[in-house]
PDB file of N, CA and C in Angstrom:
ATOM      1  N   MET A   1     -98.557  29.606  34.893  1.00  0.00           N
ATOM      2  CA  MET A   1     -99.256  30.136  33.733  1.00  0.00           C
ATOM      3  C   MET A   1     -98.585  30.411  32.649  1.00  0.00           C
ATOM      4  N   SER A   2     -97.314  30.194  32.954  1.00  0.00           N
ATOM      5  CA  SER A   2     -96.212  30.537  31.230  1.00  0.00           C
ATOM      6  C   SER A   2     -96.604  29.167  30.553  1.00  0.00           C
ATOM      7  N   PHE A   3     -96.603  28.455  31.564  1.00  0.00           N
ATOM      8  CA  PHE A   3     -96.352  27.138  30.467  1.00  0.00           C
ATOM      9  C   PHE A   3     -98.051  27.128  30.064  1.00  0.00           C
ATOM     10  N   GLY A   4     -98.539  27.217  30.174  1.00  0.00           N
ATOM     11  CA  GLY A   4    -100.045  27.204  29.633  1.00  0.00           C
ATOM     12  C   GLY A   4    -100.012  27.850  28.413  1.00  0.00           C
ATOM     13  N   VAL A   5     -99.211  29.274  28.520  1.00  0.00           N
ATOM     14  CA  VAL A   5     -99.933  30.167  27.336  1.00  0.00           C
ATOM     15  C   VAL A   5     -98.631  29.695  25.979  1.00  0.00           C
ATOM     16  N   GLY A   6     -97.384  28.812  26.937  1.00  0.00           N
ATOM     17  CA  GLY A   6     -96.506  28.944  25.515  1.00  0.00           C
ATOM     18  C   GLY A   6     -97.179  27.284  25.052  1.00  0.00           C
ATOM     19  N   VAL A   7     -98.255  26.258  25.551  1.00  0.00           N
ATOM     20  CA  VAL A   7     -98.144  25.649  24.725  1.00  0.00           C
ATOM     21  C   VAL A   7     -99.140  25.899  23.919  1.00  0.00           C
ATOM     22  N   PHE A   8    -100.265  26.877  24.660  1.00  0.00           N
ATOM     23  CA  PHE A   8    -101.497  27.439  23.916  1.00  0.00           C
ATOM     24  C   PHE A   8    -101.164  28.632  22.689  1.00  0.00           C
ATOM     25  N   LEU A   9    -100.028  29.682  22.734  1.00  0.00           N
ATOM     26  CA  LEU A   9     -99.685  29.969  20.957  1.00  0.00           C
ATOM     27  C   LEU A   9     -98.899  28.731  20.265  1.00  0.00           C
ATOM     28  N   LEU A  10     -98.439  27.275  20.829  1.00  0.00           N
ATOM     29  CA  LEU A  10     -97.685  26.827  20.071  1.00  0.00           C
ATOM     30  C   LEU A  10     -99.226  25.935  19.023  1.00  0.00           C
ATOM     31  N   LEU A  11    -100.275  25.706  20.239  1.00  0.00           N
ATOM     32  CA  LEU A  11    -101.000  24.928  19.883  1.00  0.00           C
ATOM     33  C   LEU A  11    -102.047  26.433  18.548  1.00  0.00           C
ATOM     34  N   VAL A  12    -101.547  26.748  18.872  1.00  0.00           N
ATOM     35  CA  VAL A  12    -102.550  27.675  17.214  1.00  0.00           C
ATOM     36  C   VAL A  12    -101.241  28.238  16.308  1.00  0.00           C
ATOM     37  N   GLY A  13     -99.879  28.571  16.750  1.00  0.00           N
ATOM     38  CA  GLY A  13     -98.968  29.068  16.096  1.00  0.00           C
ATOM     39  C   GLY A  13     -99.832  27.603  14.779  1.00  0.00           C
ATOM     40  N   ALA A  14     -99.268  26.224  15.333  1.00  0.00           N
ATOM     41  CA  ALA A  14     -99.218  25.172  14.752  1.00  0.00           C
ATOM     42  C   ALA A  14    -100.980  24.791  13.208  1.00  0.00           C
ATOM     43  N   ILE A  15    -101.934  24.920  13.928  1.00  0.00           N
ATOM     44  CA  ILE A  15    -102.832  25.362  13.027  1.00  0.00           C
ATOM     45  C   ILE A  15    -102.736  26.672  12.263  1.00  0.00           C
ATOM     46  N   LEU A  16    -102.281  27.476  12.110  1.00  0.00           N
ATOM     47  CA  LEU A  16    -102.359  28.358  11.877  1.00  0.00           C
ATOM     48  C   LEU A  16    -101.296  28.425  10.198  1.00  0.00           C
ATOM     49  N   ALA A  17    -100.850  27.781  10.991  1.00  0.00           N
ATOM     50  CA  ALA A  17    -100.019  27.192  10.024  1.00  0.00           C
ATOM     51  C   ALA A  17     -99.314  26.814   9.000  1.00  0.00           C
ATOM     52  N   PHE A  18    -100.116  25.230   8.916  1.00  0.00           N
ATOM     53  CA  PHE A  18    -100.369  23.773   8.531  1.00  0.00           C
ATOM     54  C   PHE A  18    -101.526  23.704   8.230  1.00  0.00           C
ATOM     55  N   ALA A  19    -102.502  24.367   8.960  1.00  0.00           N
ATOM     56  CA  ALA A  19    -104.288  23.737   8.284  1.00  0.00           C
ATOM     57  C   ALA A  19    -104.781  24.531   7.896  1.00  0.00           C
ATOM     58  N   VAL A  20    -104.878  25.969   8.319  1.00  0.00           N
ATOM     59  CA  VAL A  20    -105.538  26.521   7.189  1.00  0.00           C
ATOM     60  C   VAL A  20    -104.568  27.300   6.329  1.00  0.00           C
ATOM     61  N   ARG A  21    -105.112  27.054   5.242  1.00  0.00           N
ATOM     62  CA  ARG A  21    -104.946  27.516   3.710  1.00  0.00           C
ATOM     63  C   ARG A  21    -104.866  28.136   2.773  1.00  0.00           C
ATOM     64  N   ASP A  22    -105.448  29.430   3.697  1.00  0.00           N
ATOM     65  CA  ASP A  22    -106.598  31.060   3.234  1.00  0.00           C
ATOM     66  C   ASP A  22    -105.488  32.334   3.607  1.00  0.00           C
ATOM     67  N   SER A  23    -105.629  32.728   2.326  1.00  0.00           N
ATOM     68  CA  SER A  23    -104.233  34.300   2.667  1.00  0.00           C
ATOM     69  C   SER A  23    -105.660  35.133   2.250  1.00  0.00           C
ATOM     70  N   TRP A  24    -104.722  36.263   3.167  1.00  0.00           N
ATOM     71  CA  TRP A  24    -105.687  37.450   2.173  1.00  0.00           C
ATOM     72  C   TRP A  24    -104.217  38.199   2.244  1.00  0.00           C
ATOM     73  N   GLU A  25    -104.823  39.783   1.124  1.00  0.00           N
ATOM     74  CA  GLU A  25    -103.967  40.325   0.842  1.00  0.00           C
ATOM     75  C   GLU A  25    -102.968  40.679   2.039  1.00  0.00           C
ATOM     76  N   VAL A  26    -103.683  41.312   2.593  1.00  0.00           N
ATOM     77  CA  VAL A  26    -102.819  41.982   4.141  1.00  0.00           C
ATOM     78  C   VAL A  26    -102.587  41.586   4.701  1.00  0.00           C
ATOM     79  N   LEU A  27    -102.369  40.158   5.020  1.00  0.00           N
ATOM     80  CA  LEU A  27    -102.564  39.182   5.931  1.00  0.00           C
ATOM     81  C   LEU A  27    -102.202  38.209   5.393  1.00  0.00           C
ATOM     82  N   ASP A  28    -100.762  37.910   6.015  1.00  0.00           N
ATOM     83  CA  ASP A  28    -100.330  36.096   5.755  1.00  0.00           C
ATOM     84  C   ASP A  28    -100.547  35.499   7.058  1.00  0.00           C
ATOM     85  N   VAL A  29    -101.370  34.934   7.108  1.00  0.00           N
ATOM     86  CA  VAL A  29    -101.732  33.564   7.953  1.00  0.00           C
ATOM     87  C   VAL A  29    -100.837  32.013   8.778  1.00  0.00           C
ATOM     88  N   THR A  30    -100.095  31.898   7.476  1.00  0.00           N
ATOM     89  CA  THR A  30     -99.166  31.304   7.713  1.00  0.00           C
ATOM     90  C   THR A  30     -97.550  31.847   8.302  1.00  0.00           C
ATOM     91  N   MET A  31     -97.508  32.784   7.757  1.00  0.00           N
ATOM     92  CA  MET A  31     -95.862  33.216   8.423  1.00  0.00           C
ATOM     93  C   MET A  31     -96.377  34.323  10.453  1.00  0.00           C
ATOM     94  N   ILE A  32     -98.404  34.638   9.718  1.00  0.00           N
ATOM     95  CA  ILE A  32     -98.645  34.447  11.919  1.00  0.00           C
ATOM     96  C   ILE A  32     -98.702  32.989  12.282  1.00  0.00           C
ATOM     97  N   GLY A  33     -98.791  31.898  11.408  1.00  0.00           N
ATOM     98  CA  GLY A  33     -98.762  31.221  12.557  1.00  0.00           C
ATOM     99  C   GLY A  33     -97.660  30.982  13.321  1.00  0.00           C
ATOM    100  N   TYR A  34     -96.066  31.001  12.502  1.00  0.00           N
ATOM    101  CA  TYR A  34     -95.044  30.450  12.600  1.00  0.00           C
ATOM    102  C   TYR A  34     -94.124  31.556  13.620  1.00  0.00           C
ATOM    103  N   ILE A  35     -95.018  32.335  13.381  1.00  0.00           N
ATOM    104  CA  ILE A  35     -95.080  33.398  14.162  1.00  0.00           C
ATOM    105  C   ILE A  35     -95.310  33.451  15.907  1.00  0.00           C
ATOM    106  N   CYS A  36     -96.147  32.940  15.979  1.00  0.00           N
ATOM    107  CA  CYS A  36     -96.968  32.137  17.016  1.00  0.00           C
ATOM    108  C   CYS A  36     -96.507  31.026  17.777  1.00  0.00           C
ATOM    109  N   ILE A  37     -95.501  30.006  16.575  1.00  0.00           N
ATOM    110  CA  ILE A  37     -94.750  28.673  17.325  1.00  0.00           C
ATOM    111  C   ILE A  37     -93.600  29.239  17.701  1.00  0.00           C
ATOM    112  N   GLY A  38     -92.624  30.000  17.141  1.00  0.00           N
ATOM    113  CA  GLY A  38     -91.631  31.065  17.883  1.00  0.00           C
ATOM    114  C   GLY A  38     -91.834  31.769  18.880  1.00  0.00           C
ATOM    115  N   VAL A  39     -93.030  32.064  19.174  1.00  0.00           N
ATOM    116  CA  VAL A  39     -92.906  33.046  20.400  1.00  0.00           C
ATOM    117  C   VAL A  39     -93.223  32.146  21.345  1.00  0.00           C
ATOM    118  N   GLY A  40     -94.390  30.664  21.215  1.00  0.00           N
ATOM    119  CA  GLY A  40     -94.216  29.757  22.137  1.00  0.00           C
ATOM    120  C   GLY A  40     -93.175  28.785  22.775  1.00  0.00           C
ATOM    121  N   ILE A  41     -92.591  28.671  22.006  1.00  0.00           N
ATOM    122  CA  ILE A  41     -91.158  28.029  22.329  1.00  0.00           C
ATOM    123  C   ILE A  41     -90.936  28.895  23.639  1.00  0.00           C
ATOM    124  N   LEU A  42     -90.883  30.336  22.863  1.00  0.00           N
ATOM    125  CA  LEU A  42     -89.754  31.159  23.639  1.00  0.00           C
ATOM    126  C   LEU A  42     -90.535  31.614  24.964  1.00  0.00           C
ATOM    127  N   ALA A  43     -92.003  31.174  25.019  1.00  0.00           N
ATOM    128  CA  ALA A  43     -92.689  31.298  26.546  1.00  0.00           C
ATOM    129  C   ALA A  43     -91.989  29.958  27.073  1.00  0.00           C
ATOM    130  N   LEU A  44     -91.513  28.971  26.819  1.00  0.00           N
ATOM    131  CA  LEU A  44     -91.697  27.928  26.931  1.00  0.00           C
ATOM    132  C   LEU A  44     -90.450  27.374  27.266  1.00  0.00           C
ATOM    133  N   ILE A  45     -89.394  28.114  26.622  1.00  0.00           N
ATOM    134  CA  ILE A  45     -88.219  27.840  28.052  1.00  0.00           C
ATOM    135  C   ILE A  45     -87.798  29.121  29.321  1.00  0.00           C
ATOM    136  N   LEU A  46     -88.874  29.769  28.774  1.00  0.00           N
ATOM    137  CA  LEU A  46     -88.486  31.293  29.115  1.00  0.00           C
ATOM    138  C   LEU A  46     -89.556  30.294  30.674  1.00  0.00           C
ATOM    139  N   ALA A  47     -90.591  30.021  30.829  1.00  0.00           N
ATOM    140  CA  ALA A  47     -90.813  29.506  31.640  1.00  0.00           C
ATOM    141  C   ALA A  47     -90.458  28.582  33.193  1.00  0.00           C
ATOM    142  N   LEU A  48     -89.419  27.090  31.672  1.00  0.00           N
ATOM    143  CA  LEU A  48     -88.672  26.627  32.474  1.00  0.00           C
ATOM    144  C   LEU A  48     -87.275  27.064  33.380  1.00  0.00           C
ATOM    145  N   ILE A  49     -87.010  27.866  32.877  1.00  0.00           N
ATOM    146  CA  ILE A  49     -86.033  29.278  33.375  1.00  0.00           C
ATOM    147  C   ILE A  49     -86.049  29.436  34.768  1.00  0.00           C
ATOM    148  N   THR A  50     -87.700  30.324  34.296  1.00  0.00           N
ATOM    149  CA  THR A  50     -87.697  30.769  35.693  1.00  0.00           C
ATOM    150  C   THR A  50     -88.285  29.694  36.853  1.00  0.00           C
ATOM    151  N   LEU A  51     -89.091  28.615  36.206  1.00  0.00           N
ATOM    152  CA  LEU A  51     -89.065  27.260  37.098  1.00  0.00           C
ATOM    153  C   LEU A  51     -87.723  26.902  37.942  1.00  0.00           C
ATOM    154  N   LEU A  52     -86.913  27.202  37.046  1.00  0.00           N
ATOM    155  CA  LEU A  52     -85.485  26.069  37.317  1.00  0.00           C
ATOM    156  C   LEU A  52     -85.284  27.158  38.622  1.00  0.00           C
ATOM    157  N   THR A  53     -84.715  28.671  38.218  1.00  0.00           N
ATOM    158  CA  THR A  53     -83.758  28.937  38.762  1.00  0.00           C
ATOM    159  C   THR A  53     -84.860  29.407  40.585  1.00  0.00           C
ATOM    160  N   ARG A  54     -86.313  29.524  40.007  1.00  0.00           N
ATOM    161  CA  ARG A  54     -86.805  29.620  41.802  1.00  0.00           C
ATOM    162  C   ARG A  54     -86.358  28.643  42.489  1.00  0.00           C
ATOM    163  N   ASN A  55     -85.988  27.770  41.568  1.00  0.00           N
ATOM    164  CA  ASN A  55     -85.657  26.028  42.231  1.00  0.00           C
ATOM    165  C   ASN A  55     -84.981  26.269  43.220  1.00  0.00           C
ATOM    166  N   SER A  56     -84.215  26.667  43.071  1.00  0.00           N
ATOM    167  CA  SER A  56     -82.137  26.533  43.323  1.00  0.00           C
ATOM    168  C   SER A  56     -82.152  27.880  44.332  1.00  0.00           C
ATOM    169  N   ARG A  57     -82.852  28.734  43.726  1.00  0.00           N
ATOM    170  CA  ARG A  57     -83.242  29.829  45.600  1.00  0.00           C
ATOM    171  C   ARG A  57     -83.518  29.519  46.289  1.00  0.00           C
ATOM    172  N   ARG A  58     -84.612  27.766  46.630  1.00  0.00           N
ATOM    173  CA  ARG A  58     -85.547  26.787  47.641  1.00  0.00           C
ATOM    174  C   ARG A  58     -84.169  26.125  48.257  1.00  0.00           C
ATOM    175  N   ARG A  59     -83.190  26.123  47.364  1.00  0.00           N
ATOM    176  CA  ARG A  59     -81.895  24.568  48.376  1.00  0.00           C
ATOM    177  C   ARG A  59     -80.691  25.603  48.850  1.00  0.00           C
TER     178      ARG A  59
END
Protein backbone atom coordinates (compact mmCIF):
# COMPACT_ATOMS: atom_id res chain seq x y z
CA MET A 1 0.00 0.00 0.00
CA SER A 2 2.87 2.39 0.67
CA PHE A 3 4.10 2.14 -2.88
CA GLY A 4 0.67 3.08 -4.17
CA VAL A 5 0.43 6.08 -1.86
CA GLY A 6 3.91 7.22 -2.86
CA VAL A 7 3.19 6.96 -6.57
CA PHE A 8 -0.16 8.70 -6.12
CA LEU A 9 1.46 11.60 -4.26
CA LEU A 10 4.14 11.88 -6.93
CA LEU A 11 1.50 11.99 -9.64
CA VAL A 12 -0.67 14.57 -7.89
CA GLY A 13 2.37 16.65 -6.99
CA ALA A 14 3.68 16.64 -10.55
CA ILE A 15 0.29 17.69 -11.89
CA LEU A 16 0.01 20.51 -9.36
CA ALA A 17 3.59 21.67 -9.79
CA PHE A 18 3.93 21.55 -13.56
CA ALA A 19 0.47 21.50 -15.15
CA VAL A 20 -1.65 23.83 -13.03
CA ARG A 21 -0.91 27.50 -13.58
CA ASP A 22 -3.52 28.92 -11.25
CA SER A 23 -2.61 30.92 -8.17
CA TRP A 24 -4.59 32.24 -5.27
CA GLU A 25 -3.54 34.78 -2.72
CA VAL A 26 -3.91 32.35 0.16
CA LEU A 27 -2.51 29.27 -1.52
CA ASP A 28 0.45 28.56 -3.78
CA VAL A 29 -0.53 25.52 -5.84
CA THR A 30 2.97 25.03 -7.24
CA MET A 31 4.50 24.81 -3.76
CA ILE A 32 1.86 22.31 -2.68
CA GLY A 33 2.82 20.25 -5.73
CA TYR A 34 6.48 20.30 -4.74
CA ILE A 35 5.57 19.30 -1.19
CA CYS A 36 3.49 16.38 -2.52
CA ILE A 37 6.42 15.27 -4.69
CA GLY A 38 8.74 15.34 -1.68
CA VAL A 39 6.33 13.40 0.51
CA GLY A 40 5.77 10.89 -2.30
CA ILE A 41 9.50 10.28 -2.66
CA LEU A 42 9.79 9.89 1.11
CA ALA A 43 6.89 7.40 1.12
CA LEU A 44 8.54 5.35 -1.65
CA ILE A 45 11.88 5.30 0.19
CA LEU A 46 10.23 4.24 3.46
CA ALA A 47 8.21 1.55 1.68
CA LEU A 48 11.38 0.21 0.08
CA ILE A 49 13.21 0.17 3.43
CA THR A 50 10.38 -1.67 5.18
CA LEU A 51 10.16 -4.16 2.33
CA LEU A 52 13.89 -4.86 2.49
CA THR A 53 13.92 -5.23 6.28
CA ARG A 54 10.99 -7.65 6.16
CA ASN A 55 12.74 -9.78 3.55
CA SER A 56 16.01 -9.82 5.47
CA ARG A 57 14.23 -11.01 8.64
CA ARG A 58 12.66 -13.94 6.80
CA ARG A 59 16.02 -15.22 5.58
